[in-house]
Amino acid sequence: MAVSARRGAPLTLEEISTTALRLMDEGGVEGLSMRKLAAELDVNPMSLYHHVESKDALVRLICSTAAQRMDLPPDDGSPWQDQLRALALGYYRNALAHPAMWSHLHNHPEIIADRNLVIWQALYRILRLAGVPEPEQRRTSDVLHAFVMGYVIAGTKGHLPGDPEEIERGFDTAIRLITGGLAGWSR
């Protein structure tokens, strides 16, 4: 790891990502530059390129690791409904906390399409626990993602009440709809 003469400490990818996300929160993706990031980290801009090849690569990294900054529900044996609600709320809260990142993420579907991302793995685990048949998991996950993203878009645009209980009731409605659908699959 390169050590800046100004910093005196090695630069880490986590530090770069965290600082870049903060800059994105403050000024959007367009407000993030490698020079501005380097100034925030007190390093020469060229030091960043030892860790990421470009601003685009950095933004992709931030977006693809977004779920790692969320509170994902653990596989602790709790009911699938509770785990699904917790996943949806964690996603929603993280999206509201970082709207520029989530906007960029969803304007670049190639990033979110990677089903190996930890958020998709958590959702598939919950869907299996709920009894969603394997052939239906992709479609079900896509519908749930669209539902939560609708909430995210409406929330970031101020179209939903800021009442967290109302948001939870919306997710509870989705869970009831899924539960009804599960009854249909088992016939």
C-alpha atoms as a PDB file:
ATOM      1  CA  MET A   1       0.000   0.000   0.000  1.00  0.00           C
ATOM      2  CA  ALA A   2       1.228   3.435  -0.871  1.00  0.00           C
ATOM      3  CA  VAL A   3       1.792   5.798   2.008  1.00  0.00           C
ATOM      4  CA  SER A   4       1.369   9.488   1.369  1.00  0.00           C
ATOM      5  CA  ALA A   5       4.085  11.763   2.649  1.00  0.00           C
ATOM      6  CA  ARG A   6       1.309  14.060   3.840  1.00  0.00           C
ATOM      7  CA  ARG A   7      -0.805  11.395   5.522  1.00  0.00           C
ATOM      8  CA  GLY A   8       1.815   9.196   7.071  1.00  0.00           C
ATOM      9  CA  ALA A   9      -0.607   6.229   7.020  1.00  0.00           C
ATOM     10  CA  PRO A  10      -1.514   3.709   4.325  1.00  0.00           C
ATOM     11  CA  LEU A  11      -4.611   4.429   2.293  1.00  0.00           C
ATOM     12  CA  THR A  12      -7.244   1.675   2.316  1.00  0.00           C
ATOM     13  CA  LEU A  13      -9.955   0.840  -0.179  1.00  0.00           C
ATOM     14  CA  GLU A  14     -12.516   1.050   2.637  1.00  0.00           C
ATOM     15  CA  GLU A  15     -11.376   4.590   3.498  1.00  0.00           C
ATOM     16  CA  ILE A  16     -11.515   5.561  -0.171  1.00  0.00           C
ATOM     17  CA  SER A  17     -15.014   4.082  -0.589  1.00  0.00           C
ATOM     18  CA  THR A  18     -16.397   5.626   2.585  1.00  0.00           C
ATOM     19  CA  THR A  19     -15.070   9.074   1.733  1.00  0.00           C
ATOM     20  CA  ALA A  20     -16.243   8.808  -1.877  1.00  0.00           C
ATOM     21  CA  LEU A  21     -19.737   7.824  -0.706  1.00  0.00           C
ATOM     22  CA  ARG A  22     -19.828  10.852   1.601  1.00  0.00           C
ATOM     23  CA  LEU A  23     -18.818  13.095  -1.309  1.00  0.00           C
ATOM     24  CA  MET A  24     -21.530  11.497  -3.459  1.00  0.00           C
ATOM     25  CA  ASP A  25     -24.057  12.143  -0.689  1.00  0.00           C
ATOM     26  CA  GLU A  26     -23.026  15.792  -0.633  1.00  0.00           C
ATOM     27  CA  GLY A  27     -22.797  16.511  -4.368  1.00  0.00           C
ATOM     28  CA  GLY A  28     -24.097  13.549  -6.341  1.00  0.00           C
ATOM     29  CA  VAL A  29     -22.003  11.399  -8.642  1.00  0.00           C
ATOM     30  CA  GLU A  30     -21.110  14.476 -10.669  1.00  0.00           C
ATOM     31  CA  GLY A  31     -19.803  16.143  -7.487  1.00  0.00           C
ATOM     32  CA  LEU A  32     -17.290  13.360  -6.964  1.00  0.00           C
ATOM     33  CA  SER A  33     -13.919  13.684  -8.640  1.00  0.00           C
ATOM     34  CA  MET A  34     -10.667  11.900  -8.051  1.00  0.00           C
ATOM     35  CA  ARG A  35      -8.985  15.224  -7.262  1.00  0.00           C
ATOM     36  CA  LYS A  36     -11.644  16.183  -4.713  1.00  0.00           C
ATOM     37  CA  LEU A  37     -11.464  12.724  -3.161  1.00  0.00           C
ATOM     38  CA  ALA A  38      -7.666  12.916  -2.957  1.00  0.00           C
ATOM     39  CA  ALA A  39      -7.898  16.316  -1.262  1.00  0.00           C
ATOM     40  CA  GLU A  40     -10.361  14.917   1.292  1.00  0.00           C
ATOM     41  CA  LEU A  41      -8.032  12.006   1.989  1.00  0.00           C
ATOM     42  CA  ASP A  42      -4.943  14.234   2.051  1.00  0.00           C
ATOM     43  CA  VAL A  43      -3.171  12.240  -0.651  1.00  0.00           C
ATOM     44  CA  ASN A  44      -1.819  12.871  -4.111  1.00  0.00           C
ATOM     45  CA  PRO A  45      -4.561  12.071  -6.667  1.00  0.00           C
ATOM     46  CA  MET A  46      -2.300   9.486  -8.299  1.00  0.00           C
ATOM     47  CA  SER A  47      -2.307   7.493  -5.037  1.00  0.00           C
ATOM     48  CA  LEU A  48      -5.960   6.651  -5.606  1.00  0.00           C
ATOM     49  CA  TYR A  49      -5.139   4.832  -8.830  1.00  0.00           C
ATOM     50  CA  HIS A  50      -3.221   2.200  -6.863  1.00  0.00           C
ATOM     51  CA  HIS A  51      -6.622   1.135  -5.508  1.00  0.00           C
ATOM     52  CA  VAL A  52      -9.150   1.928  -8.271  1.00  0.00           C
ATOM     53  CA  GLU A  53      -8.523   2.408 -11.971  1.00  0.00           C
ATOM     54  CA  SER A  54     -10.938   5.321 -12.498  1.00  0.00           C
ATOM     55  CA  LYS A  55     -13.814   7.327 -11.076  1.00  0.00           C
ATOM     56  CA  ASP A  56     -16.234   5.024 -12.928  1.00  0.00           C
ATOM     57  CA  ALA A  57     -14.625   1.982 -11.335  1.00  0.00           C
ATOM     58  CA  LEU A  58     -14.880   3.650  -7.923  1.00  0.00           C
ATOM     59  CA  VAL A  59     -18.577   4.467  -8.388  1.00  0.00           C
ATOM     60  CA  ARG A  60     -19.256   0.888  -9.555  1.00  0.00           C
ATOM     61  CA  LEU A  61     -17.451  -0.407  -6.465  1.00  0.00           C
ATOM     62  CA  ILE A  62     -19.500   1.815  -4.166  1.00  0.00           C
ATOM     63  CA  CYS A  63     -22.740   0.716  -5.807  1.00  0.00           C
ATOM     64  CA  SER A  64     -21.899  -2.986  -5.911  1.00  0.00           C
ATOM     65  CA  THR A  65     -20.977  -2.977  -2.213  1.00  0.00           C
ATOM     66  CA  ALA A  66     -23.993  -0.918  -1.109  1.00  0.00           C
ATOM     67  CA  ALA A  67     -25.663  -3.868   0.573  1.00  0.00           C
ATOM     68  CA  GLN A  68     -22.604  -4.420   2.737  1.00  0.00           C
ATOM     69  CA  ARG A  69     -23.414  -1.075   4.368  1.00  0.00           C
ATOM     70  CA  MET A  70     -26.970  -2.195   5.110  1.00  0.00           C
ATOM     71  CA  ASP A  71     -28.350  -4.051   8.062  1.00  0.00           C
ATOM     72  CA  LEU A  72     -29.148  -7.372   6.373  1.00  0.00           C
ATOM     73  CA  PRO A  73     -31.347  -9.763   8.326  1.00  0.00           C
ATOM     74  CA  PRO A  74     -29.358 -12.667   9.725  1.00  0.00           C
ATOM     75  CA  ASP A  75     -30.284 -16.272   9.008  1.00  0.00           C
ATOM     76  CA  ASP A  76     -31.333 -16.728  12.615  1.00  0.00           C
ATOM     77  CA  GLY A  77     -34.450 -18.848  12.262  1.00  0.00           C
ATOM     78  CA  SER A  78     -36.855 -15.935  12.588  1.00  0.00           C
ATOM     79  CA  PRO A  79     -39.979 -16.097  10.398  1.00  0.00           C
ATOM     80  CA  TRP A  80     -39.404 -15.306   6.731  1.00  0.00           C
ATOM     81  CA  GLN A  81     -41.950 -12.472   6.964  1.00  0.00           C
ATOM     82  CA  ASP A  82     -39.828 -10.733   9.613  1.00  0.00           C
ATOM     83  CA  GLN A  83     -36.658 -11.278   7.607  1.00  0.00           C
ATOM     84  CA  LEU A  84     -38.263  -9.957   4.397  1.00  0.00           C
ATOM     85  CA  ARG A  85     -39.610  -6.884   6.211  1.00  0.00           C
ATOM     86  CA  ALA A  86     -36.170  -6.244   7.738  1.00  0.00           C
ATOM     87  CA  LEU A  87     -34.471  -6.597   4.331  1.00  0.00           C
ATOM     88  CA  ALA A  88     -36.942  -4.226   2.654  1.00  0.00           C
ATOM     89  CA  LEU A  89     -36.641  -1.665   5.449  1.00  0.00           C
ATOM     90  CA  GLY A  90     -32.838  -1.874   5.430  1.00  0.00           C
ATOM     91  CA  TYR A  91     -32.791  -1.353   1.669  1.00  0.00           C
ATOM     92  CA  TYR A  92     -35.242   1.542   1.903  1.00  0.00           C
ATOM     93  CA  ARG A  93     -33.370   3.273   4.728  1.00  0.00           C
ATOM     94  CA  ASN A  94     -30.007   2.897   2.990  1.00  0.00           C
ATOM     95  CA  ALA A  95     -31.443   4.270  -0.247  1.00  0.00           C
ATOM     96  CA  LEU A  96     -32.868   7.303   1.554  1.00  0.00           C
ATOM     97  CA  ALA A  97     -29.534   7.863   3.317  1.00  0.00           C
ATOM     98  CA  HIS A  98     -27.607   7.704   0.018  1.00  0.00           C
ATOM     99  CA  PRO A  99     -30.013   8.842  -2.734  1.00  0.00           C
ATOM    100  CA  ALA A 100     -27.318   9.847  -5.239  1.00  0.00           C
ATOM    101  CA  MET A 101     -25.699   6.433  -5.038  1.00  0.00           C
ATOM    102  CA  TRP A 102     -29.023   4.596  -5.374  1.00  0.00           C
ATOM    103  CA  SER A 103     -30.106   6.792  -8.260  1.00  0.00           C
ATOM    104  CA  HIS A 104     -26.859   6.002 -10.059  1.00  0.00           C
ATOM    105  CA  LEU A 105     -27.190   2.325  -9.212  1.00  0.00           C
ATOM    106  CA  HIS A 106     -30.643   2.076 -10.711  1.00  0.00           C
ATOM    107  CA  ASN A 107     -29.713   4.077 -13.776  1.00  0.00           C
ATOM    108  CA  HIS A 108     -27.039   1.464 -14.431  1.00  0.00           C
ATOM    109  CA  PRO A 109     -28.919  -1.852 -14.354  1.00  0.00           C
ATOM    110  CA  GLU A 110     -25.795  -3.837 -15.172  1.00  0.00           C
ATOM    111  CA  ILE A 111     -24.634  -3.236 -11.595  1.00  0.00           C
ATOM    112  CA  ILE A 112     -27.836  -4.338  -9.856  1.00  0.00           C
ATOM    113  CA  ALA A 113     -28.304  -7.273 -12.274  1.00  0.00           C
ATOM    114  CA  ASP A 114     -25.444  -9.215 -10.658  1.00  0.00           C
ATOM    115  CA  ARG A 115     -27.362 -11.866  -8.721  1.00  0.00           C
ATOM    116  CA  ASN A 116     -24.209 -12.725  -6.770  1.00  0.00           C
ATOM    117  CA  LEU A 117     -24.514  -9.464  -4.812  1.00  0.00           C
ATOM    118  CA  VAL A 118     -25.073 -10.079  -1.124  1.00  0.00           C
ATOM    119  CA  ILE A 119     -28.495  -8.393  -1.186  1.00  0.00           C
ATOM    120  CA  TRP A 120     -29.814 -10.803  -3.821  1.00  0.00           C
ATOM    121  CA  GLN A 121     -28.373 -13.745  -1.927  1.00  0.00           C
ATOM    122  CA  ALA A 122     -30.175 -12.612   1.233  1.00  0.00           C
ATOM    123  CA  LEU A 123     -33.435 -12.202  -0.692  1.00  0.00           C
ATOM    124  CA  TYR A 124     -33.159 -15.632  -2.338  1.00  0.00           C
ATOM    125  CA  ARG A 125     -32.453 -17.195   1.054  1.00  0.00           C
ATOM    126  CA  ILE A 126     -35.612 -15.570   2.448  1.00  0.00           C
ATOM    127  CA  LEU A 127     -37.677 -16.609  -0.577  1.00  0.00           C
ATOM    128  CA  ARG A 128     -36.531 -20.233  -0.139  1.00  0.00           C
ATOM    129  CA  LEU A 129     -37.478 -20.005   3.531  1.00  0.00           C
ATOM    130  CA  ALA A 130     -40.909 -18.694   2.468  1.00  0.00           C
ATOM    131  CA  GLY A 131     -41.388 -21.687   0.191  1.00  0.00           C
ATOM    132  CA  VAL A 132     -41.198 -19.838  -3.107  1.00  0.00           C
ATOM    133  CA  PRO A 133     -40.525 -22.505  -5.746  1.00  0.00           C
ATOM    134  CA  GLU A 134     -37.072 -22.275  -7.324  1.00  0.00           C
ATOM    135  CA  PRO A 135     -38.419 -21.462 -10.826  1.00  0.00           C
ATOM    136  CA  GLU A 136     -40.383 -18.512  -9.373  1.00  0.00           C
ATOM    137  CA  GLN A 137     -37.610 -16.993  -7.257  1.00  0.00           C
ATOM    138  CA  ARG A 138     -36.188 -14.767  -9.990  1.00  0.00           C
ATOM    139  CA  ARG A 139     -39.584 -13.348 -10.932  1.00  0.00           C
ATOM    140  CA  THR A 140     -40.590 -12.929  -7.282  1.00  0.00           C
ATOM    141  CA  SER A 141     -37.326 -11.179  -6.443  1.00  0.00           C
ATOM    142  CA  ASP A 142     -37.748  -8.848  -9.440  1.00  0.00           C
ATOM    143  CA  VAL A 143     -41.305  -7.941  -8.372  1.00  0.00           C
ATOM    144  CA  LEU A 144     -40.243  -7.339  -4.778  1.00  0.00           C
ATOM    145  CA  HIS A 145     -37.287  -5.244  -5.915  1.00  0.00           C
ATOM    146  CA  ALA A 146     -39.568  -3.141  -8.128  1.00  0.00           C
ATOM    147  CA  PHE A 147     -41.989  -2.686  -5.233  1.00  0.00           C
ATOM    148  CA  VAL A 148     -39.276  -1.530  -2.829  1.00  0.00           C
ATOM    149  CA  MET A 149     -37.719   0.692  -5.504  1.00  0.00           C
ATOM    150  CA  GLY A 150     -41.128   2.287  -6.010  1.00  0.00           C
ATOM    151  CA  TYR A 151     -41.097   3.103  -2.321  1.00  0.00           C
ATOM    152  CA  VAL A 152     -37.535   4.398  -2.582  1.00  0.00           C
ATOM    153  CA  ILE A 153     -38.368   6.665  -5.522  1.00  0.00           C
ATOM    154  CA  ALA A 154     -41.552   7.905  -3.884  1.00  0.00           C
ATOM    155  CA  GLY A 155     -39.719   8.449  -0.601  1.00  0.00           C
ATOM    156  CA  THR A 156     -36.826  10.365  -2.126  1.00  0.00           C
ATOM    157  CA  LYS A 157     -39.245  12.549  -4.101  1.00  0.00           C
ATOM    158  CA  GLY A 158     -41.287  13.324  -0.977  1.00  0.00           C
ATOM    159  CA  HIS A 159     -44.413  11.465  -2.139  1.00  0.00           C
ATOM    160  CA  LEU A 160     -44.642   9.235   0.929  1.00  0.00           C
ATOM    161  CA  PRO A 161     -45.257  10.262   4.493  1.00  0.00           C
ATOM    162  CA  GLY A 162     -42.080  10.289   6.546  1.00  0.00           C
ATOM    163  CA  ASP A 163     -43.794   8.082   9.105  1.00  0.00           C
ATOM    164  CA  PRO A 164     -41.700   4.900   9.474  1.00  0.00           C
ATOM    165  CA  GLU A 165     -44.761   2.980  10.674  1.00  0.00           C
ATOM    166  CA  GLU A 166     -46.574   3.803   7.428  1.00  0.00           C
ATOM    167  CA  ILE A 167     -43.618   2.513   5.427  1.00  0.00           C
ATOM    168  CA  GLU A 168     -43.651  -0.700   7.459  1.00  0.00           C
ATOM    169  CA  ARG A 169     -47.392  -1.097   6.820  1.00  0.00           C
ATOM    170  CA  GLY A 170     -46.680  -0.861   3.094  1.00  0.00           C
ATOM    171  CA  PHE A 171     -44.104  -3.624   3.328  1.00  0.00           C
ATOM    172  CA  ASP A 172     -46.531  -5.680   5.441  1.00  0.00           C
ATOM    173  CA  THR A 173     -49.046  -5.370   2.594  1.00  0.00           C
ATOM    174  CA  ALA A 174     -46.486  -6.786   0.173  1.00  0.00           C
ATOM    175  CA  ILE A 175     -45.798  -9.672   2.547  1.00  0.00           C
ATOM    176  CA  ARG A 176     -49.526 -10.464   2.757  1.00  0.00           C
ATOM    177  CA  LEU A 177     -49.694 -10.497  -1.046  1.00  0.00           C
ATOM    178  CA  ILE A 178     -46.753 -12.890  -1.206  1.00  0.00           C
ATOM    179  CA  THR A 179     -48.332 -15.117   1.427  1.00  0.00           C
ATOM    180  CA  GLY A 180     -51.505 -15.284  -0.676  1.00  0.00           C
ATOM    181  CA  GLY A 181     -49.416 -16.152  -3.715  1.00  0.00           C
ATOM    182  CA  LEU A 182     -47.677 -18.957  -1.855  1.00  0.00           C
ATOM    183  CA  ALA A 183     -51.047 -20.548  -1.177  1.00  0.00           C
ATOM    184  CA  GLY A 184     -51.685 -20.532  -4.936  1.00  0.00           C
ATOM    185  CA  TRP A 185     -48.330 -22.186  -5.709  1.00  0.00           C
ATOM    186  CA  SER A 186     -49.001 -25.056  -3.335  1.00  0.00           C
ATOM    187  CA  ARG A 187     -52.245 -26.085  -5.069  1.00  0.00           C
END
